[in-house]
Amino acid sequence: MRLPRFLAAAALAALVLAACTGKNAVDQSGGQFRFVSGTTLGKTYPVGDRKKAGDFTGTLLTGSTMKLSQHTGKVVVINFWATWCGPCTTETPQFDLVYRADKAKGVDFIGIDTKDIRSQAEAFVQDNDISYPIVFDEQGETALRLGKIPALALPFTVIIDKHQRVAVVYLNKLTAKDLQPLLDKLLAES
């Protein structure tokens, strides 16, 4: 019974890992982004191939709500994470440093805490002085609303350009050094 599940999971992982960027990485069948594959580190989807991100509304850890479309005109880094994910707890404080440095330039960050315990997420955010908004998404629905992005593993990051189009989907941990050149490139786009 375990072998067929393992083989199915391995086949899915191979498809995701074998994918490339460009037209084949973005579903071209409609006007909204539908995930096909992630982008290679340092690369973005070509501007002409980008599709609009699916809008979502989320409840923040603070209790208020936010909507992705509120961030139109800005580059938006959406990072999916959880407190039980070791790489996530390293990445999130680094992302906060980038957010603090770049928010005046027109960069917003949204954390999506998924499949987690709310009290643990609240404690982590407070203990690490995370200043960008964190959506609590216990069910993991936001990734589907953005563009049917499969939440196979955490962390992963989606970057939206100023026109609310998906420019990047990274399915691995990032550092501030990985992120900054991409943000600069997206900020320079008209």
Protein backbone atom coordinates (compact mmCIF):
# COMPACT_ATOMS: atom_id res chain seq x y z
CA MET A 1 0.00 0.00 0.00
CA ARG A 2 2.86 2.40 0.78
CA LEU A 3 4.74 1.73 -2.46
CA PRO A 4 1.99 3.08 -4.81
CA ARG A 5 1.68 6.26 -2.71
CA PHE A 6 5.43 6.69 -2.70
CA LEU A 7 5.60 6.21 -6.47
CA ALA A 8 2.78 8.72 -7.05
CA ALA A 9 4.50 11.27 -4.78
CA ALA A 10 7.85 10.66 -6.50
CA ALA A 11 6.27 11.13 -9.92
CA LEU A 12 4.67 14.42 -8.84
CA ALA A 13 7.96 15.64 -7.36
CA ALA A 14 9.80 14.72 -10.57
CA LEU A 15 7.31 16.71 -12.64
CA VAL A 16 7.73 19.76 -10.43
CA LEU A 17 11.53 19.51 -10.37
CA ALA A 18 11.79 18.90 -14.12
CA ALA A 19 9.77 21.98 -14.97
CA CYS A 20 11.36 25.12 -16.39
CA THR A 21 10.57 28.82 -16.61
CA GLY A 22 9.02 30.70 -19.50
CA LYS A 23 5.77 30.06 -21.37
CA ASN A 24 5.64 26.44 -20.19
CA ALA A 25 5.87 27.55 -16.56
CA VAL A 26 2.70 29.66 -16.68
CA ASP A 27 -0.66 28.26 -17.77
CA GLN A 28 -1.52 30.20 -20.94
CA SER A 29 -5.20 29.16 -21.07
CA GLY A 30 -6.70 32.24 -19.43
CA GLY A 31 -6.15 35.61 -17.86
CA GLN A 32 -5.46 34.40 -14.32
CA PHE A 33 -2.28 32.74 -13.12
CA ARG A 34 -2.44 28.98 -12.67
CA PHE A 35 0.68 27.34 -11.31
CA VAL A 36 2.53 24.95 -13.58
CA SER A 37 6.06 25.09 -12.16
CA GLY A 38 8.36 27.20 -10.04
CA THR A 39 10.97 29.62 -11.28
CA THR A 40 14.71 29.09 -11.12
CA LEU A 41 16.52 31.06 -8.43
CA GLY A 42 17.30 34.57 -9.69
CA LYS A 43 14.81 34.35 -12.58
CA THR A 44 11.32 35.77 -13.07
CA TYR A 45 8.55 34.80 -15.44
CA PRO A 46 8.94 36.95 -18.59
CA VAL A 47 6.75 40.08 -18.36
CA GLY A 48 4.66 39.10 -21.39
CA ASP A 49 3.91 35.66 -19.90
CA ARG A 50 2.81 36.86 -16.45
CA LYS A 51 -0.80 36.37 -15.44
CA LYS A 52 -2.88 38.10 -12.80
CA ALA A 53 -2.70 36.60 -9.32
CA GLY A 54 -5.94 35.40 -7.85
CA ASP A 55 -7.12 37.87 -5.23
CA PHE A 56 -7.55 36.67 -1.68
CA THR A 57 -8.79 38.04 1.60
CA GLY A 58 -7.16 36.83 4.79
CA THR A 59 -7.51 37.28 8.51
CA LEU A 60 -4.31 38.61 10.06
CA LEU A 61 -2.89 37.34 13.34
CA THR A 62 -3.92 40.74 14.73
CA GLY A 63 -7.57 39.93 13.94
CA SER A 64 -8.05 42.48 11.14
CA THR A 65 -8.46 41.48 7.51
CA MET A 66 -6.46 42.32 4.40
CA LYS A 67 -6.95 41.79 0.71
CA LEU A 68 -4.17 41.25 -1.84
CA SER A 69 -5.71 43.80 -4.22
CA GLN A 70 -5.05 46.51 -1.57
CA HIS A 71 -1.39 46.26 -2.59
CA THR A 72 -1.82 47.14 -6.29
CA GLY A 73 1.02 49.33 -7.51
CA LYS A 74 3.56 47.67 -5.21
CA VAL A 75 5.81 44.66 -5.50
CA VAL A 76 4.42 42.12 -3.04
CA VAL A 77 6.40 39.25 -1.51
CA ILE A 78 4.05 36.53 -0.25
CA ASN A 79 5.86 34.02 1.90
CA PHE A 80 4.22 30.76 3.03
CA TRP A 81 5.63 29.49 6.32
CA ALA A 82 4.90 27.83 9.68
CA THR A 83 6.55 27.76 13.09
CA TRP A 84 7.18 24.00 12.87
CA CYS A 85 9.27 24.54 9.70
CA GLY A 86 12.96 25.06 10.59
CA PRO A 87 13.93 26.85 7.36
CA CYS A 88 10.86 29.10 7.75
CA THR A 89 11.92 30.29 11.20
CA THR A 90 15.28 31.29 9.73
CA GLU A 91 13.84 32.91 6.62
CA THR A 92 11.04 34.98 8.21
CA PRO A 93 13.27 37.27 10.35
CA GLN A 94 15.55 37.81 7.33
CA PHE A 95 12.53 38.76 5.23
CA ASP A 96 11.49 41.25 7.89
CA LEU A 97 14.86 43.01 7.55
CA VAL A 98 14.34 43.28 3.77
CA TYR A 99 10.78 44.53 4.32
CA ARG A 100 11.94 47.26 6.70
CA ALA A 101 14.65 48.35 4.23
CA ASP A 102 12.44 48.28 1.10
CA LYS A 103 8.90 49.22 2.19
CA ALA A 104 9.50 52.92 1.45
CA LYS A 105 10.56 51.93 -2.10
CA GLY A 106 7.19 50.24 -2.78
CA VAL A 107 7.70 46.68 -1.56
CA ASP A 108 5.14 44.97 0.67
CA PHE A 109 5.48 41.63 2.39
CA ILE A 110 2.66 39.33 3.45
CA GLY A 111 3.36 36.24 5.50
CA ILE A 112 0.96 33.33 5.16
CA ASP A 113 1.18 31.17 8.27
CA THR A 114 -0.29 27.87 7.15
CA LYS A 115 -1.10 24.55 8.78
CA ASP A 116 0.08 25.89 12.11
CA ILE A 117 -1.13 26.60 15.63
CA ARG A 118 -2.22 30.22 15.95
CA SER A 119 -0.76 30.78 19.42
CA GLN A 120 2.65 29.50 18.29
CA ALA A 121 2.60 31.81 15.26
CA GLU A 122 1.61 34.78 17.42
CA ALA A 123 4.43 34.05 19.87
CA PHE A 124 6.99 33.67 17.05
CA VAL A 125 5.93 36.96 15.43
CA GLN A 126 6.12 38.79 18.77
CA ASP A 127 9.42 37.19 19.87
CA ASN A 128 11.07 38.01 16.53
CA ASP A 129 9.51 41.48 16.13
CA ILE A 130 8.11 40.64 12.69
CA SER A 131 6.64 43.90 11.37
CA TYR A 132 4.91 42.85 8.16
CA PRO A 133 1.34 41.48 8.20
CA ILE A 134 0.85 37.76 8.77
CA VAL A 135 -2.30 36.02 7.51
CA PHE A 136 -3.32 33.00 9.57
CA ASP A 137 -4.33 30.34 7.03
CA GLU A 138 -4.68 27.14 9.03
CA GLN A 139 -6.34 25.29 6.14
CA GLY A 140 -3.77 26.32 3.52
CA GLU A 141 -6.32 27.83 1.10
CA THR A 142 -4.47 31.01 0.09
CA ALA A 143 -2.04 29.23 -2.24
CA LEU A 144 -4.97 27.77 -4.17
CA ARG A 145 -6.65 31.17 -4.47
CA LEU A 146 -3.45 32.79 -5.75
CA GLY A 147 -3.20 30.38 -8.66
CA LYS A 148 -3.65 26.76 -7.64
CA ILE A 149 -0.14 26.60 -6.21
CA PRO A 150 0.35 23.21 -4.55
CA ALA A 151 1.67 23.59 -1.02
CA LEU A 152 3.94 20.54 -1.27
CA ALA A 153 6.47 21.83 1.25
CA LEU A 154 7.34 24.94 3.23
CA PRO A 155 8.69 27.52 2.87
CA PHE A 156 7.75 28.83 -0.55
CA THR A 157 7.51 32.38 -1.87
CA VAL A 158 5.38 34.08 -4.52
CA ILE A 159 6.31 37.57 -5.72
CA ILE A 160 3.67 39.74 -7.36
CA ASP A 161 4.65 42.62 -9.64
CA LYS A 162 3.18 46.14 -9.48
CA HIS A 163 0.31 45.08 -11.76
CA GLN A 164 -0.78 42.18 -9.50
CA ARG A 165 0.75 39.59 -11.85
CA VAL A 166 2.74 36.62 -10.57
CA ALA A 167 6.40 37.29 -11.39
CA VAL A 168 8.06 34.55 -9.31
CA VAL A 169 7.22 31.30 -7.54
CA TYR A 170 10.13 29.89 -5.52
CA LEU A 171 9.56 26.51 -3.95
CA ASN A 172 12.51 26.64 -1.56
CA LYS A 173 14.09 28.68 1.22
CA LEU A 174 15.47 32.09 0.24
CA THR A 175 17.93 34.47 1.82
CA ALA A 176 17.92 38.25 1.81
CA LYS A 177 20.77 38.04 -0.73
CA ASP A 178 18.58 35.91 -3.02
CA LEU A 179 15.62 38.24 -2.69
CA GLN A 180 17.08 41.74 -3.01
CA PRO A 181 18.19 41.61 -6.69
CA LEU A 182 14.74 40.34 -7.69
CA LEU A 183 12.99 43.12 -5.80
CA ASP A 184 15.26 45.71 -7.38
CA LYS A 185 14.52 44.29 -10.85
CA LEU A 186 10.74 44.28 -10.25
CA LEU A 187 10.78 47.78 -8.77
CA ALA A 188 12.55 49.04 -11.93
CA GLU A 189 9.80 47.68 -14.19
CA SER A 190 7.13 50.14 -15.30
